[in-house]
Amino acid sequence: MDFKKLGRQVGELRKQAEEKLGDRAEPENIKRDGKELRGILSGDGSLAEKAREAKEKLSDPERPSGPGASGGGDNTGGQRPG
């Protein structure tokens, strides 16, 4: 296995991800987005509705980013109260 080549490929992939994700490339932001997606996907509704909701929430340009930013939502993790 050529570890130098593998290292270059990983570096290129990381650079591409940072270009596409911008400020959201930070690990904490990715974790927060993942938790929000998990909540959306575990909720009620059709797959199309869930996809639409995820797109609306995660592609919002006004969405706060950074370590202290909250992703909004109801913080129930997709669970129904009660």
N, C-alpha and C. Protein backbone atom coordinates (compact mmCIF):
# COMPACT_ATOMS: atom_id res chain seq x y z
N MET A 1 0.85 -1.18 0.00
CA MET A 1 0.00 0.00 0.00
C MET A 1 0.89 1.23 0.00
N ASP A 2 0.56 2.17 -0.85
CA ASP A 2 1.33 3.41 -0.98
C ASP A 2 0.70 4.47 -0.06
N PHE A 3 1.30 4.63 1.11
CA PHE A 3 0.73 5.55 2.10
C PHE A 3 0.88 7.00 1.69
N LYS A 4 1.92 7.33 0.94
CA LYS A 4 2.09 8.71 0.48
C LYS A 4 0.95 9.08 -0.48
N LYS A 5 0.64 8.17 -1.39
CA LYS A 5 -0.44 8.42 -2.34
C LYS A 5 -1.78 8.52 -1.60
N LEU A 6 -1.98 7.63 -0.65
CA LEU A 6 -3.21 7.65 0.15
C LEU A 6 -3.33 8.97 0.91
N GLY A 7 -2.23 9.43 1.48
CA GLY A 7 -2.23 10.70 2.20
C GLY A 7 -2.59 11.87 1.29
N ARG A 8 -2.06 11.88 0.08
CA ARG A 8 -2.40 12.93 -0.88
C ARG A 8 -3.88 12.89 -1.24
N GLN A 9 -4.41 11.68 -1.44
CA GLN A 9 -5.83 11.54 -1.78
C GLN A 9 -6.72 12.04 -0.65
N VAL A 10 -6.36 11.70 0.58
CA VAL A 10 -7.13 12.17 1.74
C VAL A 10 -7.09 13.69 1.82
N GLY A 11 -5.91 14.26 1.59
CA GLY A 11 -5.77 15.71 1.60
C GLY A 11 -6.63 16.37 0.53
N GLU A 12 -6.67 15.78 -0.66
CA GLU A 12 -7.48 16.33 -1.74
C GLU A 12 -8.97 16.25 -1.40
N LEU A 13 -9.39 15.13 -0.82
CA LEU A 13 -10.80 14.97 -0.44
C LEU A 13 -11.18 15.97 0.65
N ARG A 14 -10.28 16.18 1.59
CA ARG A 14 -10.56 17.13 2.67
C ARG A 14 -10.70 18.54 2.10
N LYS A 15 -9.81 18.89 1.17
CA LYS A 15 -9.87 20.21 0.55
C LYS A 15 -11.18 20.40 -0.21
N GLN A 16 -11.62 19.37 -0.94
CA GLN A 16 -12.88 19.44 -1.67
C GLN A 16 -14.06 19.61 -0.71
N ALA A 17 -14.03 18.86 0.40
CA ALA A 17 -15.11 18.97 1.39
C ALA A 17 -15.16 20.36 1.99
N GLU A 18 -14.00 20.92 2.32
CA GLU A 18 -13.98 22.26 2.90
C GLU A 18 -14.48 23.30 1.90
N GLU A 19 -14.17 23.12 0.62
CA GLU A 19 -14.65 24.06 -0.39
C GLU A 19 -16.17 23.99 -0.51
N LYS A 20 -16.74 22.79 -0.45
CA LYS A 20 -18.18 22.62 -0.62
C LYS A 20 -18.95 23.00 0.64
N LEU A 21 -18.39 22.71 1.80
CA LEU A 21 -19.11 22.95 3.05
C LEU A 21 -18.84 24.32 3.65
N GLY A 22 -17.78 24.96 3.28
CA GLY A 22 -17.46 26.29 3.83
C GLY A 22 -17.28 26.23 5.33
N ASP A 23 -17.98 27.13 6.04
CA ASP A 23 -17.88 27.21 7.50
C ASP A 23 -18.38 25.94 8.18
N ARG A 24 -19.24 25.21 7.51
CA ARG A 24 -19.85 24.03 8.13
C ARG A 24 -18.93 22.82 8.08
N ALA A 25 -17.70 22.96 7.59
CA ALA A 25 -16.76 21.85 7.53
C ALA A 25 -16.17 21.52 8.90
N GLU A 26 -16.42 22.36 9.89
CA GLU A 26 -15.91 22.10 11.23
C GLU A 26 -16.60 20.86 11.81
N PRO A 27 -15.85 20.02 12.51
CA PRO A 27 -16.42 18.78 13.05
C PRO A 27 -17.66 18.99 13.91
N GLU A 28 -17.68 20.03 14.73
CA GLU A 28 -18.85 20.27 15.59
C GLU A 28 -20.09 20.59 14.76
N ASN A 29 -19.91 21.34 13.69
CA ASN A 29 -21.05 21.68 12.83
C ASN A 29 -21.57 20.44 12.11
N ILE A 30 -20.67 19.60 11.66
CA ILE A 30 -21.07 18.36 10.98
C ILE A 30 -21.82 17.45 11.95
N LYS A 31 -21.33 17.35 13.18
CA LYS A 31 -22.01 16.53 14.20
C LYS A 31 -23.41 17.07 14.48
N ARG A 32 -23.52 18.39 14.59
CA ARG A 32 -24.83 19.01 14.87
C ARG A 32 -25.80 18.73 13.72
N ASP A 33 -25.31 18.90 12.49
CA ASP A 33 -26.15 18.63 11.33
C ASP A 33 -26.58 17.16 11.29
N GLY A 34 -25.66 16.27 11.64
CA GLY A 34 -25.98 14.84 11.66
C GLY A 34 -27.06 14.51 12.68
N LYS A 35 -26.97 15.11 13.85
CA LYS A 35 -27.99 14.89 14.88
C LYS A 35 -29.35 15.41 14.42
N GLU A 36 -29.33 16.57 13.76
CA GLU A 36 -30.59 17.13 13.28
C GLU A 36 -31.20 16.23 12.19
N LEU A 37 -30.36 15.73 11.29
CA LEU A 37 -30.85 14.81 10.26
C LEU A 37 -31.40 13.53 10.87
N ARG A 38 -30.74 13.01 11.87
CA ARG A 38 -31.20 11.80 12.53
C ARG A 38 -32.60 12.02 13.12
N GLY A 39 -32.80 13.19 13.72
CA GLY A 39 -34.11 13.52 14.28
C GLY A 39 -35.18 13.62 13.22
N ILE A 40 -34.83 14.24 12.10
CA ILE A 40 -35.79 14.37 11.01
C ILE A 40 -36.16 13.00 10.46
N LEU A 41 -35.16 12.16 10.23
CA LEU A 41 -35.40 10.85 9.62
C LEU A 41 -36.17 9.90 10.53
N SER A 42 -36.04 10.08 11.84
CA SER A 42 -36.75 9.18 12.75
C SER A 42 -38.17 9.66 13.04
N GLY A 43 -38.53 10.82 12.54
CA GLY A 43 -39.87 11.37 12.78
C GLY A 43 -40.92 10.76 11.87
N ASP A 44 -42.13 11.28 12.01
CA ASP A 44 -43.26 10.81 11.20
C ASP A 44 -43.24 11.48 9.83
N GLY A 45 -43.90 10.86 8.87
CA GLY A 45 -44.03 11.42 7.53
C GLY A 45 -43.38 10.55 6.49
N SER A 46 -43.67 10.89 5.24
CA SER A 46 -43.10 10.12 4.13
C SER A 46 -41.63 10.49 3.94
N LEU A 47 -40.94 9.67 3.18
CA LEU A 47 -39.54 9.94 2.89
C LEU A 47 -39.39 11.26 2.14
N ALA A 48 -40.33 11.55 1.23
CA ALA A 48 -40.28 12.81 0.48
C ALA A 48 -40.42 14.00 1.42
N GLU A 49 -41.33 13.91 2.39
CA GLU A 49 -41.51 15.00 3.36
C GLU A 49 -40.26 15.20 4.20
N LYS A 50 -39.67 14.08 4.61
CA LYS A 50 -38.45 14.16 5.42
C LYS A 50 -37.30 14.77 4.62
N ALA A 51 -37.18 14.39 3.37
CA ALA A 51 -36.13 14.95 2.51
C ALA A 51 -36.33 16.44 2.33
N ARG A 52 -37.56 16.86 2.12
CA ARG A 52 -37.87 18.28 1.94
C ARG A 52 -37.51 19.06 3.20
N GLU A 53 -37.89 18.52 4.36
CA GLU A 53 -37.59 19.20 5.63
C GLU A 53 -36.09 19.30 5.86
N ALA A 54 -35.37 18.22 5.57
CA ALA A 54 -33.92 18.22 5.74
C ALA A 54 -33.27 19.25 4.82
N LYS A 55 -33.73 19.31 3.59
CA LYS A 55 -33.17 20.27 2.64
C LYS A 55 -33.41 21.69 3.10
N GLU A 56 -34.63 21.96 3.58
CA GLU A 56 -34.97 23.31 4.05
C GLU A 56 -34.11 23.71 5.23
N LYS A 57 -33.94 22.81 6.18
CA LYS A 57 -33.20 23.15 7.39
C LYS A 57 -31.70 23.26 7.15
N LEU A 58 -31.14 22.37 6.35
CA LEU A 58 -29.69 22.35 6.20
C LEU A 58 -29.16 23.22 5.08
N SER A 59 -30.02 23.67 4.18
CA SER A 59 -29.53 24.52 3.10
C SER A 59 -29.87 25.99 3.34
N ASP A 60 -30.37 26.32 4.51
CA ASP A 60 -30.72 27.69 4.86
C ASP A 60 -29.45 28.52 5.01
N PRO A 61 -29.25 29.56 4.17
CA PRO A 61 -28.04 30.37 4.27
C PRO A 61 -27.98 31.17 5.57
N GLU A 62 -29.11 31.40 6.21
CA GLU A 62 -29.15 32.14 7.47
C GLU A 62 -28.85 31.24 8.67
N ARG A 63 -28.70 29.94 8.43
CA ARG A 63 -28.48 28.97 9.49
C ARG A 63 -27.20 29.32 10.24
N PRO A 64 -27.28 29.43 11.56
CA PRO A 64 -26.07 29.76 12.32
C PRO A 64 -25.06 28.63 12.26
N SER A 65 -23.80 28.99 12.28
CA SER A 65 -22.75 27.99 12.34
C SER A 65 -21.79 28.39 13.44
N GLY A 66 -21.04 27.45 13.91
CA GLY A 66 -20.09 27.72 14.98
C GLY A 66 -20.38 26.82 16.16
N PRO A 67 -19.44 26.76 17.10
CA PRO A 67 -19.58 25.81 18.21
C PRO A 67 -20.79 26.04 19.09
N GLY A 68 -21.23 27.29 19.26
CA GLY A 68 -22.35 27.55 20.15
C GLY A 68 -23.67 27.69 19.44
N ALA A 69 -23.69 27.49 18.14
CA ALA A 69 -24.91 27.70 17.37
C ALA A 69 -25.89 26.56 17.59
N SER A 70 -27.15 26.94 17.72
CA SER A 70 -28.17 25.91 17.83
C SER A 70 -28.79 25.72 16.47
N GLY A 71 -29.13 24.48 16.16
CA GLY A 71 -29.69 24.18 14.86
C GLY A 71 -31.17 24.45 14.78
N GLY A 72 -31.77 24.95 15.84
CA GLY A 72 -33.20 25.18 15.83
C GLY A 72 -33.93 23.88 16.03
N GLY A 73 -35.18 23.82 15.59
CA GLY A 73 -35.95 22.60 15.73
C GLY A 73 -36.53 22.49 17.13
N ASP A 74 -37.14 21.36 17.40
CA ASP A 74 -37.84 21.19 18.67
C ASP A 74 -37.03 20.41 19.70
N ASN A 75 -35.83 19.98 19.35
CA ASN A 75 -34.94 19.25 20.25
C ASN A 75 -35.55 17.98 20.81
N THR A 76 -36.51 17.40 20.11
CA THR A 76 -37.10 16.15 20.59
C THR A 76 -36.45 14.96 19.94
N GLY A 77 -35.57 15.20 18.97
CA GLY A 77 -34.92 14.09 18.29
C GLY A 77 -35.89 13.27 17.47
N GLY A 78 -36.97 13.88 17.00
CA GLY A 78 -37.94 13.16 16.19
C GLY A 78 -38.94 12.36 16.99
N GLN A 79 -38.87 12.44 18.29
CA GLN A 79 -39.77 11.69 19.17
C GLN A 79 -41.03 12.50 19.43
N ARG A 80 -42.13 11.82 19.55
CA ARG A 80 -43.38 12.50 19.91
C ARG A 80 -43.42 12.71 21.42
N PRO A 81 -43.92 13.87 21.86
CA PRO A 81 -44.02 14.10 23.31
C PRO A 81 -45.05 13.17 23.94
N GLY A 82 -44.80 12.86 25.19
CA GLY A 82 -45.81 12.10 25.92
C GLY A 82 -45.38 10.77 26.23
